[in-house]
Amino acid sequence: FTRFFVALQVEFLCLVALAVDWLAARVSTWFLAVVAVLALLLGWVVLLPLFGTGGQAPPQRVLLRTGCLVFGNAEYLRAGTGRRAVARVLSLAEPECRDMACTGLGWALADEYLARRITTGMREALAAAGSGACKKRICGGIRFVVERRGGRRGAPPAIPAEVQEQCR
C-alpha cells in the first residue's frame, strides 16, 4: 500500500512542479510562493497517515511463537520420520513453544500428504504423540493446511480415514 501511495504522490508533485514552472513565467512571485507552500502542505497531509506505521518490530512473544511453528515444520524434514520428529519436538522445554512446534509439525505432515499423498509420516507422528496436547496440535495443523491449501487444484482432498481416526 505504501509503495503505491508514495508513487502517486511523486507523480502528482511532478505535475505540480511543471505547473509551477509554467506559472513562474506568467504570475507574480507571491502567487508562486503560495502555490509552492500549498503543494508542500498537500504532500505533508497526504503522507500524514503513514507516519509511525513502519519499522516496528513485532513483540518478542510473537517472534518466539513464529519461530516455534517454523521449528516444528522444519523438524519433520530434518528428522526423517514422524516418530523422531515428535520426540524432538516433545523435548522442547517451554510448553507454549512445544505446542506451537507440534502445530508446525502438523503443517509439514499435511504438506507431505498434499504433495505426494503419503500418510506414513502422519500415522507415525500421531502414534508417537500419544494422546496428549501435542497430538491435538498436530491434528489441528493437519486440518488447517488441508482445508486451506488443499483446494488449490480443485476441491480440497479429504484427510485420510486412518488419520481422521487417530485424530479423534
N, C-alpha and C. Protein backbone atom coordinates (compact mmCIF):
# COMPACT_ATOMS: atom_id res chain seq x y z
N PHE A 1 0.82 -1.19 0.00
CA PHE A 1 0.00 0.00 0.00
C PHE A 1 0.86 1.25 0.00
N THR A 2 1.86 1.29 0.84
CA THR A 2 2.71 2.47 0.97
C THR A 2 3.42 2.76 -0.34
N ARG A 3 3.94 1.73 -0.99
CA ARG A 3 4.67 1.94 -2.25
C ARG A 3 3.76 2.56 -3.30
N PHE A 4 2.57 2.08 -3.41
CA PHE A 4 1.61 2.63 -4.38
C PHE A 4 1.28 4.08 -4.04
N PHE A 5 1.07 4.35 -2.79
CA PHE A 5 0.69 5.67 -2.31
C PHE A 5 1.78 6.70 -2.59
N VAL A 6 3.02 6.37 -2.29
CA VAL A 6 4.13 7.29 -2.47
C VAL A 6 4.38 7.54 -3.96
N ALA A 7 4.25 6.51 -4.78
CA ALA A 7 4.46 6.69 -6.22
C ALA A 7 3.45 7.69 -6.80
N LEU A 8 2.21 7.61 -6.37
CA LEU A 8 1.21 8.57 -6.83
C LEU A 8 1.56 9.99 -6.38
N GLN A 9 2.05 10.10 -5.17
CA GLN A 9 2.40 11.43 -4.68
C GLN A 9 3.56 12.01 -5.48
N VAL A 10 4.55 11.21 -5.81
CA VAL A 10 5.68 11.69 -6.60
C VAL A 10 5.20 12.16 -7.97
N GLU A 11 4.33 11.37 -8.61
CA GLU A 11 3.80 11.78 -9.90
C GLU A 11 3.00 13.08 -9.79
N PHE A 12 2.22 13.18 -8.74
CA PHE A 12 1.44 14.40 -8.53
C PHE A 12 2.37 15.60 -8.33
N LEU A 13 3.41 15.43 -7.56
CA LEU A 13 4.33 16.54 -7.31
C LEU A 13 5.09 16.93 -8.57
N CYS A 14 5.34 15.98 -9.47
CA CYS A 14 5.97 16.31 -10.75
C CYS A 14 5.03 17.19 -11.58
N LEU A 15 3.74 16.85 -11.57
CA LEU A 15 2.77 17.69 -12.27
C LEU A 15 2.70 19.08 -11.64
N VAL A 16 2.74 19.15 -10.33
CA VAL A 16 2.73 20.44 -9.64
C VAL A 16 3.98 21.24 -10.01
N ALA A 17 5.13 20.58 -10.09
CA ALA A 17 6.37 21.27 -10.46
C ALA A 17 6.27 21.85 -11.87
N LEU A 18 5.69 21.09 -12.79
CA LEU A 18 5.51 21.60 -14.15
C LEU A 18 4.56 22.80 -14.15
N ALA A 19 3.50 22.71 -13.38
CA ALA A 19 2.55 23.82 -13.30
C ALA A 19 3.19 25.05 -12.68
N VAL A 20 4.00 24.86 -11.66
CA VAL A 20 4.67 25.99 -11.01
C VAL A 20 5.67 26.62 -11.98
N ASP A 21 6.37 25.81 -12.73
CA ASP A 21 7.32 26.32 -13.72
C ASP A 21 6.58 27.15 -14.77
N TRP A 22 5.46 26.64 -15.22
CA TRP A 22 4.66 27.36 -16.23
C TRP A 22 4.14 28.68 -15.65
N LEU A 23 3.68 28.60 -14.35
CA LEU A 23 3.16 29.80 -13.71
C LEU A 23 4.25 30.84 -13.42
N ALA A 24 5.45 30.40 -13.20
CA ALA A 24 6.54 31.31 -12.84
C ALA A 24 6.75 32.39 -13.90
N ALA A 25 6.54 32.01 -15.13
CA ALA A 25 6.74 32.99 -16.21
C ALA A 25 5.55 33.92 -16.37
N ARG A 26 4.43 33.60 -15.78
CA ARG A 26 3.20 34.34 -16.04
C ARG A 26 2.62 35.09 -14.84
N VAL A 27 3.02 34.75 -13.61
CA VAL A 27 2.40 35.40 -12.45
C VAL A 27 3.45 35.98 -11.53
N SER A 28 2.97 36.63 -10.46
CA SER A 28 3.89 37.27 -9.52
C SER A 28 4.58 36.24 -8.63
N THR A 29 5.61 36.66 -7.97
CA THR A 29 6.39 35.80 -7.09
C THR A 29 5.58 35.38 -5.88
N TRP A 30 4.73 36.29 -5.35
CA TRP A 30 3.91 35.95 -4.18
C TRP A 30 2.94 34.82 -4.50
N PHE A 31 2.31 34.87 -5.63
CA PHE A 31 1.39 33.80 -6.02
C PHE A 31 2.14 32.48 -6.16
N LEU A 32 3.31 32.56 -6.74
CA LEU A 32 4.15 31.38 -6.91
C LEU A 32 4.54 30.78 -5.56
N ALA A 33 4.86 31.63 -4.60
CA ALA A 33 5.22 31.17 -3.26
C ALA A 33 4.03 30.48 -2.59
N VAL A 34 2.85 31.03 -2.74
CA VAL A 34 1.64 30.44 -2.15
C VAL A 34 1.38 29.06 -2.76
N VAL A 35 1.51 28.95 -4.07
CA VAL A 35 1.30 27.66 -4.74
C VAL A 35 2.32 26.63 -4.24
N ALA A 36 3.58 27.04 -4.09
CA ALA A 36 4.61 26.13 -3.62
C ALA A 36 4.33 25.67 -2.18
N VAL A 37 3.92 26.58 -1.32
CA VAL A 37 3.60 26.21 0.07
C VAL A 37 2.40 25.27 0.11
N LEU A 38 1.38 25.55 -0.69
CA LEU A 38 0.22 24.67 -0.73
C LEU A 38 0.61 23.27 -1.22
N ALA A 39 1.50 23.19 -2.19
CA ALA A 39 1.95 21.88 -2.69
C ALA A 39 2.70 21.13 -1.60
N LEU A 40 3.53 21.81 -0.85
CA LEU A 40 4.25 21.16 0.25
C LEU A 40 3.29 20.70 1.34
N LEU A 41 2.33 21.55 1.69
CA LEU A 41 1.34 21.15 2.70
C LEU A 41 0.51 19.97 2.23
N LEU A 42 0.13 19.97 0.98
CA LEU A 42 -0.64 18.86 0.45
C LEU A 42 0.16 17.56 0.52
N GLY A 43 1.43 17.63 0.16
CA GLY A 43 2.29 16.45 0.27
C GLY A 43 2.40 15.96 1.71
N TRP A 44 2.51 16.89 2.65
CA TRP A 44 2.61 16.52 4.06
C TRP A 44 1.31 15.88 4.54
N VAL A 45 0.18 16.45 4.15
CA VAL A 45 -1.12 15.91 4.58
C VAL A 45 -1.34 14.52 3.98
N VAL A 46 -0.91 14.31 2.74
CA VAL A 46 -1.09 13.02 2.10
C VAL A 46 -0.25 11.95 2.79
N LEU A 47 0.94 12.30 3.24
CA LEU A 47 1.81 11.33 3.92
C LEU A 47 1.53 11.19 5.41
N LEU A 48 0.76 12.09 5.99
CA LEU A 48 0.49 12.07 7.42
C LEU A 48 0.02 10.71 7.95
N PRO A 49 -0.90 10.01 7.27
CA PRO A 49 -1.33 8.71 7.80
C PRO A 49 -0.23 7.65 7.84
N LEU A 50 0.83 7.87 7.09
CA LEU A 50 1.90 6.87 7.05
C LEU A 50 2.94 7.06 8.16
N PHE A 51 2.95 8.18 8.82
CA PHE A 51 3.95 8.43 9.86
C PHE A 51 3.75 7.46 11.02
N GLY A 52 4.80 6.83 11.43
CA GLY A 52 4.76 5.93 12.57
C GLY A 52 4.20 4.55 12.27
N THR A 53 4.02 4.21 11.00
CA THR A 53 3.44 2.89 10.71
C THR A 53 4.47 1.87 10.28
N GLY A 54 5.69 2.23 10.04
CA GLY A 54 6.67 1.27 9.54
C GLY A 54 7.82 1.08 10.50
N GLY A 55 8.56 0.04 10.26
CA GLY A 55 9.78 -0.20 11.02
C GLY A 55 9.58 -0.69 12.43
N GLN A 56 8.39 -1.11 12.78
CA GLN A 56 8.16 -1.58 14.13
C GLN A 56 8.37 -3.08 14.19
N ALA A 57 9.22 -3.51 15.09
CA ALA A 57 9.47 -4.94 15.25
C ALA A 57 8.31 -5.56 16.02
N PRO A 58 7.92 -6.79 15.65
CA PRO A 58 6.86 -7.45 16.41
C PRO A 58 7.34 -7.78 17.82
N PRO A 59 6.42 -7.93 18.75
CA PRO A 59 6.81 -8.27 20.12
C PRO A 59 7.58 -9.60 20.18
N GLN A 60 8.42 -9.74 21.16
CA GLN A 60 9.25 -10.94 21.31
C GLN A 60 8.40 -12.20 21.39
N ARG A 61 7.28 -12.14 22.03
CA ARG A 61 6.41 -13.32 22.17
C ARG A 61 5.91 -13.80 20.80
N VAL A 62 5.57 -12.86 19.91
CA VAL A 62 5.13 -13.22 18.55
C VAL A 62 6.28 -13.86 17.78
N LEU A 63 7.47 -13.31 17.93
CA LEU A 63 8.64 -13.89 17.26
C LEU A 63 8.90 -15.31 17.76
N LEU A 64 8.77 -15.51 19.06
CA LEU A 64 9.00 -16.84 19.63
C LEU A 64 7.98 -17.84 19.10
N ARG A 65 6.72 -17.45 19.09
CA ARG A 65 5.67 -18.36 18.60
C ARG A 65 5.91 -18.72 17.13
N THR A 66 6.25 -17.72 16.33
CA THR A 66 6.50 -17.97 14.91
C THR A 66 7.71 -18.87 14.74
N GLY A 67 8.74 -18.63 15.50
CA GLY A 67 9.94 -19.47 15.43
C GLY A 67 9.65 -20.91 15.83
N CYS A 68 8.81 -21.09 16.81
CA CYS A 68 8.46 -22.45 17.24
C CYS A 68 7.64 -23.17 16.17
N LEU A 69 6.74 -22.44 15.50
CA LEU A 69 5.98 -23.03 14.38
C LEU A 69 6.93 -23.49 13.28
N VAL A 70 7.87 -22.63 12.95
CA VAL A 70 8.84 -22.96 11.89
C VAL A 70 9.71 -24.14 12.32
N PHE A 71 10.11 -24.17 13.59
CA PHE A 71 10.92 -25.28 14.09
C PHE A 71 10.18 -26.60 13.91
N GLY A 72 8.91 -26.63 14.30
CA GLY A 72 8.13 -27.86 14.16
C GLY A 72 7.96 -28.27 12.71
N ASN A 73 7.76 -27.28 11.85
CA ASN A 73 7.60 -27.57 10.42
C ASN A 73 8.89 -28.13 9.84
N ALA A 74 10.00 -27.52 10.18
CA ALA A 74 11.28 -27.97 9.63
C ALA A 74 11.77 -29.26 10.28
N GLU A 75 11.33 -29.53 11.49
CA GLU A 75 11.83 -30.70 12.20
C GLU A 75 11.44 -32.00 11.50
N TYR A 76 10.30 -32.04 10.86
CA TYR A 76 9.91 -33.26 10.16
C TYR A 76 10.89 -33.55 9.02
N LEU A 77 11.30 -32.52 8.32
CA LEU A 77 12.27 -32.72 7.23
C LEU A 77 13.63 -33.13 7.77
N ARG A 78 14.05 -32.56 8.89
CA ARG A 78 15.35 -32.91 9.48
C ARG A 78 15.33 -34.30 10.08
N ALA A 79 14.26 -34.66 10.74
CA ALA A 79 14.21 -35.92 11.48
C ALA A 79 14.09 -37.13 10.54
N GLY A 80 13.38 -36.96 9.46
CA GLY A 80 13.25 -38.07 8.52
C GLY A 80 12.05 -38.96 8.77
N THR A 81 11.62 -39.10 10.00
CA THR A 81 10.44 -39.91 10.31
C THR A 81 9.54 -39.14 11.27
N GLY A 82 8.28 -39.50 11.28
CA GLY A 82 7.34 -38.86 12.18
C GLY A 82 7.67 -39.10 13.64
N ARG A 83 8.12 -40.31 13.96
CA ARG A 83 8.46 -40.65 15.36
C ARG A 83 9.60 -39.78 15.89
N ARG A 84 10.67 -39.68 15.10
CA ARG A 84 11.82 -38.88 15.54
C ARG A 84 11.45 -37.40 15.64
N ALA A 85 10.64 -36.92 14.71
CA ALA A 85 10.23 -35.51 14.76
C ALA A 85 9.43 -35.22 16.03
N VAL A 86 8.50 -36.10 16.37
CA VAL A 86 7.70 -35.90 17.59
C VAL A 86 8.61 -35.94 18.82
N ALA A 87 9.55 -36.87 18.85
CA ALA A 87 10.46 -36.96 20.00
C ALA A 87 11.25 -35.66 20.17
N ARG A 88 11.72 -35.09 19.06
CA ARG A 88 12.49 -33.85 19.15
C ARG A 88 11.61 -32.68 19.56
N VAL A 89 10.41 -32.62 19.02
CA VAL A 89 9.50 -31.53 19.37
C VAL A 89 9.08 -31.63 20.84
N LEU A 90 8.81 -32.83 21.30
CA LEU A 90 8.41 -33.01 22.71
C LEU A 90 9.55 -32.73 23.68
N SER A 91 10.78 -32.71 23.18
CA SER A 91 11.91 -32.43 24.07
C SER A 91 12.08 -30.93 24.34
N LEU A 92 11.32 -30.08 23.68
CA LEU A 92 11.41 -28.65 23.94
C LEU A 92 10.94 -28.35 25.36
N ALA A 93 11.66 -27.50 26.05
CA ALA A 93 11.39 -27.26 27.47
C ALA A 93 10.16 -26.38 27.71
N GLU A 94 9.97 -25.37 26.89
CA GLU A 94 8.88 -24.43 27.13
C GLU A 94 7.56 -24.97 26.57
N PRO A 95 6.53 -25.08 27.40
CA PRO A 95 5.26 -25.67 26.95
C PRO A 95 4.61 -24.95 25.77
N GLU A 96 4.61 -23.62 25.79
CA GLU A 96 3.99 -22.88 24.69
C GLU A 96 4.74 -23.13 23.38
N CYS A 97 6.06 -23.14 23.44
CA CYS A 97 6.85 -23.39 22.24
C CYS A 97 6.62 -24.82 21.75
N ARG A 98 6.55 -25.75 22.69
CA ARG A 98 6.31 -27.16 22.32
C ARG A 98 4.96 -27.30 21.61
N ASP A 99 3.93 -26.61 22.12
CA ASP A 99 2.62 -26.66 21.49
C ASP A 99 2.66 -26.09 20.07
N MET A 100 3.31 -24.95 19.91
CA MET A 100 3.39 -24.33 18.59
C MET A 100 4.21 -25.21 17.63
N ALA A 101 5.27 -25.83 18.13
CA ALA A 101 6.08 -26.72 17.30
C ALA A 101 5.27 -27.93 16.85
N CYS A 102 4.41 -28.43 17.71
CA CYS A 102 3.53 -29.55 17.32
C CYS A 102 2.59 -29.13 16.19
N THR A 103 2.07 -27.91 16.27
CA THR A 103 1.23 -27.40 15.19
C THR A 103 2.02 -27.30 13.89
N GLY A 104 3.24 -26.78 13.99
CA GLY A 104 4.10 -26.68 12.81
C GLY A 104 4.42 -28.05 12.22
N LEU A 105 4.60 -29.03 13.08
CA LEU A 105 4.84 -30.40 12.62
C LEU A 105 3.62 -30.91 11.84
N GLY A 106 2.43 -30.60 12.33
CA GLY A 106 1.21 -30.96 11.61
C GLY A 106 1.17 -30.32 10.22
N TRP A 107 1.65 -29.07 10.12
CA TRP A 107 1.70 -28.41 8.81
C TRP A 107 2.60 -29.18 7.86
N ALA A 108 3.78 -29.58 8.34
CA ALA A 108 4.73 -30.31 7.48
C ALA A 108 4.16 -31.65 7.04
N LEU A 109 3.50 -32.35 7.96
CA LEU A 109 2.90 -33.64 7.62
C LEU A 109 1.80 -33.47 6.57
N ALA A 110 0.99 -32.43 6.72
CA ALA A 110 -0.07 -32.17 5.75
C ALA A 110 0.51 -31.77 4.39
N ASP A 111 1.60 -30.99 4.41
CA ASP A 111 2.24 -30.63 3.14
C ASP A 111 2.72 -31.87 2.40
N GLU A 112 3.30 -32.81 3.14
CA GLU A 112 3.75 -34.03 2.50
C GLU A 112 2.57 -34.81 1.92
N TYR A 113 1.49 -34.86 2.67
CA TYR A 113 0.30 -35.57 2.19
C TYR A 113 -0.25 -34.90 0.92
N LEU A 114 -0.33 -33.57 0.92
CA LEU A 114 -0.87 -32.88 -0.24
C LEU A 114 0.03 -33.02 -1.46
N ALA A 115 1.33 -33.06 -1.24
CA ALA A 115 2.26 -33.16 -2.37
C ALA A 115 2.35 -34.57 -2.94
N ARG A 116 2.37 -35.57 -2.04
CA ARG A 116 2.63 -36.94 -2.53
C ARG A 116 1.60 -37.96 -2.10
N ARG A 117 0.58 -37.54 -1.36
CA ARG A 117 -0.46 -38.45 -0.86
C ARG A 117 0.11 -39.57 0.00
N ILE A 118 1.15 -39.25 0.75
CA ILE A 118 1.77 -40.23 1.66
C ILE A 118 1.30 -39.93 3.08
N THR A 119 0.81 -40.95 3.77
CA THR A 119 0.32 -40.75 5.14
C THR A 119 1.19 -41.44 6.18
N THR A 120 2.27 -42.04 5.76
CA THR A 120 3.13 -42.77 6.71
C THR A 120 3.63 -41.86 7.82
N GLY A 121 4.13 -40.68 7.46
CA GLY A 121 4.64 -39.75 8.46
C GLY A 121 3.56 -39.30 9.42
N MET A 122 2.36 -39.05 8.90
CA MET A 122 1.25 -38.64 9.76
C MET A 122 0.93 -39.71 10.78
N ARG A 123 0.79 -40.94 10.29
CA ARG A 123 0.42 -42.03 11.20
C ARG A 123 1.50 -42.27 12.24
N GLU A 124 2.78 -42.23 11.83
CA GLU A 124 3.88 -42.41 12.78
C GLU A 124 3.88 -41.31 13.84
N ALA A 125 3.75 -40.06 13.38
CA ALA A 125 3.80 -38.93 14.32
C ALA A 125 2.63 -38.98 15.30
N LEU A 126 1.45 -39.27 14.81
CA LEU A 126 0.29 -39.32 15.69
C LEU A 126 0.40 -40.46 16.69
N ALA A 127 0.94 -41.59 16.26
CA ALA A 127 1.14 -42.71 17.19
C ALA A 127 2.18 -42.35 18.25
N ALA A 128 3.25 -41.67 17.84
CA ALA A 128 4.31 -41.30 18.78
C ALA A 128 3.87 -40.20 19.74
N ALA A 129 2.93 -39.37 19.30
CA ALA A 129 2.48 -38.26 20.15
C ALA A 129 1.60 -38.72 21.30
N GLY A 130 1.08 -39.94 21.22
CA GLY A 130 0.23 -40.44 22.30
C GLY A 130 -1.14 -39.80 22.24
N SER A 131 -1.65 -39.42 23.41
CA SER A 131 -3.00 -38.85 23.44
C SER A 131 -3.01 -37.46 24.06
N GLY A 132 -1.87 -36.81 24.15
CA GLY A 132 -1.79 -35.52 24.83
C GLY A 132 -2.07 -34.33 23.95
N ALA A 133 -1.64 -33.18 24.45
CA ALA A 133 -1.87 -31.91 23.76
C ALA A 133 -1.14 -31.86 22.42
N CYS A 134 0.02 -32.47 22.35
CA CYS A 134 0.78 -32.43 21.09
C CYS A 134 0.00 -33.11 19.98
N LYS A 135 -0.64 -34.21 20.29
CA LYS A 135 -1.41 -34.92 19.26
C LYS A 135 -2.55 -34.03 18.76
N LYS A 136 -3.22 -33.33 19.66
CA LYS A 136 -4.29 -32.43 19.25
C LYS A 136 -3.76 -31.30 18.37
N ARG A 137 -2.59 -30.80 18.73
CA ARG A 137 -1.97 -29.73 17.94
C ARG A 137 -1.55 -30.23 16.57
N ILE A 138 -0.99 -31.42 16.49
CA ILE A 138 -0.61 -31.98 15.20
C ILE A 138 -1.85 -32.15 14.32
N CYS A 139 -2.92 -32.68 14.88
CA CYS A 139 -4.17 -32.85 14.13
C CYS A 139 -4.72 -31.50 13.68
N GLY A 140 -4.65 -30.51 14.55
CA GLY A 140 -5.10 -29.17 14.18
C GLY A 140 -4.29 -28.58 13.04
N GLY A 141 -2.97 -28.80 13.07
CA GLY A 141 -2.11 -28.33 11.99
C GLY A 141 -2.41 -29.02 10.68
N ILE A 142 -2.66 -30.32 10.75
CA ILE A 142 -3.01 -31.08 9.54
C ILE A 142 -4.32 -30.55 8.96
N ARG A 143 -5.32 -30.39 9.81
CA ARG A 143 -6.61 -29.88 9.33
C ARG A 143 -6.47 -28.50 8.71
N PHE A 144 -5.73 -27.63 9.38
CA PHE A 144 -5.55 -26.26 8.91
C PHE A 144 -5.00 -26.24 7.49
N VAL A 145 -3.94 -27.00 7.27
CA VAL A 145 -3.27 -26.97 5.96
C VAL A 145 -4.15 -27.63 4.89
N VAL A 146 -4.72 -28.77 5.21
CA VAL A 146 -5.53 -29.47 4.20
C VAL A 146 -6.75 -28.64 3.82
N GLU A 147 -7.39 -28.01 4.78
CA GLU A 147 -8.57 -27.21 4.49
C GLU A 147 -8.24 -25.94 3.70
N ARG A 148 -7.10 -25.34 3.98
CA ARG A 148 -6.79 -24.06 3.35
C ARG A 148 -5.93 -24.17 2.10
N ARG A 149 -4.98 -25.08 2.09
CA ARG A 149 -4.08 -25.19 0.95
C ARG A 149 -4.46 -26.32 0.01
N GLY A 150 -5.28 -27.22 0.46
CA GLY A 150 -5.60 -28.38 -0.37
C GLY A 150 -6.46 -28.05 -1.55
N GLY A 151 -7.16 -26.92 -1.53
CA GLY A 151 -8.07 -26.60 -2.60
C GLY A 151 -7.46 -25.86 -3.77
N ARG A 152 -6.14 -25.75 -3.83
CA ARG A 152 -5.51 -25.01 -4.92
C ARG A 152 -5.82 -25.61 -6.28
N ARG A 153 -5.82 -26.90 -6.36
CA ARG A 153 -6.03 -27.58 -7.65
C ARG A 153 -7.40 -28.23 -7.69
N GLY A 154 -8.40 -27.53 -7.28
CA GLY A 154 -9.74 -28.10 -7.28
C GLY A 154 -10.26 -28.24 -5.87
N ALA A 155 -11.10 -29.23 -5.66
CA ALA A 155 -11.70 -29.45 -4.35
C ALA A 155 -10.64 -29.94 -3.37
N PRO A 156 -10.72 -29.48 -2.11
CA PRO A 156 -9.73 -29.92 -1.13
C PRO A 156 -9.85 -31.42 -0.88
N PRO A 157 -8.72 -32.10 -0.82
CA PRO A 157 -8.78 -33.53 -0.54
C PRO A 157 -9.20 -33.77 0.90
N ALA A 158 -9.82 -34.87 1.11
CA ALA A 158 -10.22 -35.23 2.47
C ALA A 158 -9.00 -35.77 3.21
N ILE A 159 -9.00 -35.55 4.51
CA ILE A 159 -7.96 -36.16 5.33
C ILE A 159 -8.23 -37.66 5.32
N PRO A 160 -7.20 -38.48 5.11
CA PRO A 160 -7.42 -39.93 5.04
C PRO A 160 -8.12 -40.46 6.29
N ALA A 161 -8.93 -41.49 6.08
CA ALA A 161 -9.75 -42.05 7.16
C ALA A 161 -8.90 -42.53 8.33
N GLU A 162 -7.75 -43.18 8.05
CA GLU A 162 -6.93 -43.68 9.15
C GLU A 162 -6.34 -42.55 9.99
N VAL A 163 -6.10 -41.41 9.36
CA VAL A 163 -5.58 -40.25 10.09
C VAL A 163 -6.72 -39.60 10.86
N GLN A 164 -7.89 -39.49 10.25
CA GLN A 164 -9.04 -38.93 10.97
C GLN A 164 -9.36 -39.76 12.21
N GLU A 165 -9.24 -41.05 12.07
CA GLU A 165 -9.50 -41.95 13.22
C GLU A 165 -8.51 -41.68 14.33
N GLN A 166 -7.24 -41.48 13.99
CA GLN A 166 -6.22 -41.21 15.02
C GLN A 166 -6.41 -39.83 15.65
N CYS A 167 -7.02 -38.91 14.93
CA CYS A 167 -7.21 -37.55 15.45
C CYS A 167 -8.44 -37.40 16.33
N ARG A 168 -9.20 -38.44 16.50
CA ARG A 168 -10.39 -38.34 17.36
C ARG A 168 -10.06 -38.48 18.80
